[in-house]
Amino acid sequence: MAISNAKRWSEICEMQVNILEGLRRQFPQRGEQIENLACHWQALKHQVDNNPSCIDRSLFNEMLL
């Protein structure tokens, strides 16, 4: 899947990671689950930053589980 607005997606991913880091501090009992979700956003950001013309849809599916 190609992303035409990769720069904006990268910004959104970064914002999500920052939000999740704050949530992890507020809800330490959910730390593992929040960290897992943050890792998926970081992986998506990495993919968008490095190859925006070929995004793996499975990352989206994993975030929804």
C-alpha atoms as a PDB file:
ATOM      1  CA  MET A   1       0.000   0.000   0.000  1.00  0.00           C
ATOM      2  CA  ALA A   2       1.450   3.357  -0.978  1.00  0.00           C
ATOM      3  CA  ILE A   3       1.068   6.400   1.242  1.00  0.00           C
ATOM      4  CA  SER A   4       0.976   9.708  -0.604  1.00  0.00           C
ATOM      5  CA  ASN A   5       1.198  11.850   2.526  1.00  0.00           C
ATOM      6  CA  ALA A   6       4.014   9.968   4.234  1.00  0.00           C
ATOM      7  CA  LYS A   7       5.332  12.997   6.110  1.00  0.00           C
ATOM      8  CA  ARG A   8       1.984  13.526   7.823  1.00  0.00           C
ATOM      9  CA  TRP A   9       1.682   9.828   8.635  1.00  0.00           C
ATOM     10  CA  SER A  10       5.132   9.950  10.199  1.00  0.00           C
ATOM     11  CA  GLU A  11       4.030  12.886  12.366  1.00  0.00           C
ATOM     12  CA  ILE A  12       0.862  11.053  13.398  1.00  0.00           C
ATOM     13  CA  CYS A  13       2.843   7.964  14.344  1.00  0.00           C
ATOM     14  CA  GLU A  14       5.206  10.068  16.459  1.00  0.00           C
ATOM     15  CA  MET A  15       2.250  11.731  18.221  1.00  0.00           C
ATOM     16  CA  GLN A  16       0.693   8.336  18.938  1.00  0.00           C
ATOM     17  CA  VAL A  17       3.937   7.040  20.437  1.00  0.00           C
ATOM     18  CA  ASN A  18       4.179  10.120  22.681  1.00  0.00           C
ATOM     19  CA  ILE A  19       0.568   9.737  23.820  1.00  0.00           C
ATOM     20  CA  LEU A  20       1.100   6.068  24.574  1.00  0.00           C
ATOM     21  CA  GLU A  21       4.253   6.805  26.592  1.00  0.00           C
ATOM     22  CA  GLY A  22       2.207   9.183  28.746  1.00  0.00           C
ATOM     23  CA  LEU A  23      -0.510   6.581  29.177  1.00  0.00           C
ATOM     24  CA  ARG A  24       2.049   3.977  30.167  1.00  0.00           C
ATOM     25  CA  ARG A  25       3.235   6.244  32.986  1.00  0.00           C
ATOM     26  CA  GLN A  26      -0.343   6.911  34.130  1.00  0.00           C
ATOM     27  CA  PHE A  27      -1.434   3.290  33.931  1.00  0.00           C
ATOM     28  CA  PRO A  28       1.548   1.117  34.870  1.00  0.00           C
ATOM     29  CA  GLN A  29      -0.718  -1.908  35.300  1.00  0.00           C
ATOM     30  CA  ARG A  30      -1.297  -1.781  31.513  1.00  0.00           C
ATOM     31  CA  GLY A  31       2.341  -1.079  30.700  1.00  0.00           C
ATOM     32  CA  GLU A  32       2.960  -4.208  28.656  1.00  0.00           C
ATOM     33  CA  GLN A  33      -0.105  -3.766  26.459  1.00  0.00           C
ATOM     34  CA  ILE A  34       0.579  -0.063  25.923  1.00  0.00           C
ATOM     35  CA  GLU A  35       4.230  -0.752  25.125  1.00  0.00           C
ATOM     36  CA  ASN A  36       3.180  -3.355  22.565  1.00  0.00           C
ATOM     37  CA  LEU A  37       0.888  -0.864  20.865  1.00  0.00           C
ATOM     38  CA  ALA A  38       3.599   1.830  20.930  1.00  0.00           C
ATOM     39  CA  CYS A  39       6.020  -0.600  19.273  1.00  0.00           C
ATOM     40  CA  HIS A  40       3.581  -1.115  16.405  1.00  0.00           C
ATOM     41  CA  TRP A  41       3.274   2.652  15.905  1.00  0.00           C
ATOM     42  CA  GLN A  42       7.074   2.955  15.945  1.00  0.00           C
ATOM     43  CA  ALA A  43       7.368   0.171  13.374  1.00  0.00           C
ATOM     44  CA  LEU A  44       4.827   1.887  11.153  1.00  0.00           C
ATOM     45  CA  LYS A  45       6.707   5.195  11.485  1.00  0.00           C
ATOM     46  CA  HIS A  46       9.954   3.467  10.573  1.00  0.00           C
ATOM     47  CA  GLN A  47       8.357   1.930   7.510  1.00  0.00           C
ATOM     48  CA  VAL A  48       6.753   5.227   6.432  1.00  0.00           C
ATOM     49  CA  ASP A  49      10.030   7.102   6.904  1.00  0.00           C
ATOM     50  CA  ASN A  50      12.117   4.564   5.018  1.00  0.00           C
ATOM     51  CA  ASN A  51       9.832   3.258   2.293  1.00  0.00           C
ATOM     52  CA  PRO A  52       6.507   5.112   2.004  1.00  0.00           C
ATOM     53  CA  SER A  53       5.694   3.444  -1.307  1.00  0.00           C
ATOM     54  CA  CYS A  54       5.442  -0.020   0.235  1.00  0.00           C
ATOM     55  CA  ILE A  55       3.608  -0.167   3.562  1.00  0.00           C
ATOM     56  CA  ASP A  56       2.849  -3.552   5.085  1.00  0.00           C
ATOM     57  CA  ARG A  57      -0.889  -3.675   5.864  1.00  0.00           C
ATOM     58  CA  SER A  58      -0.290  -6.301   8.517  1.00  0.00           C
ATOM     59  CA  LEU A  59       1.014  -3.561  10.831  1.00  0.00           C
ATOM     60  CA  PHE A  60      -2.436  -1.970  10.809  1.00  0.00           C
ATOM     61  CA  ASN A  61      -4.093  -5.302  11.492  1.00  0.00           C
ATOM     62  CA  GLU A  62      -1.761  -6.050  14.413  1.00  0.00           C
ATOM     63  CA  MET A  63      -2.512  -2.677  16.006  1.00  0.00           C
ATOM     64  CA  LEU A  64      -6.233  -3.450  15.923  1.00  0.00           C
ATOM     65  CA  LEU A  65      -5.912  -6.763  17.764  1.00  0.00           C
END
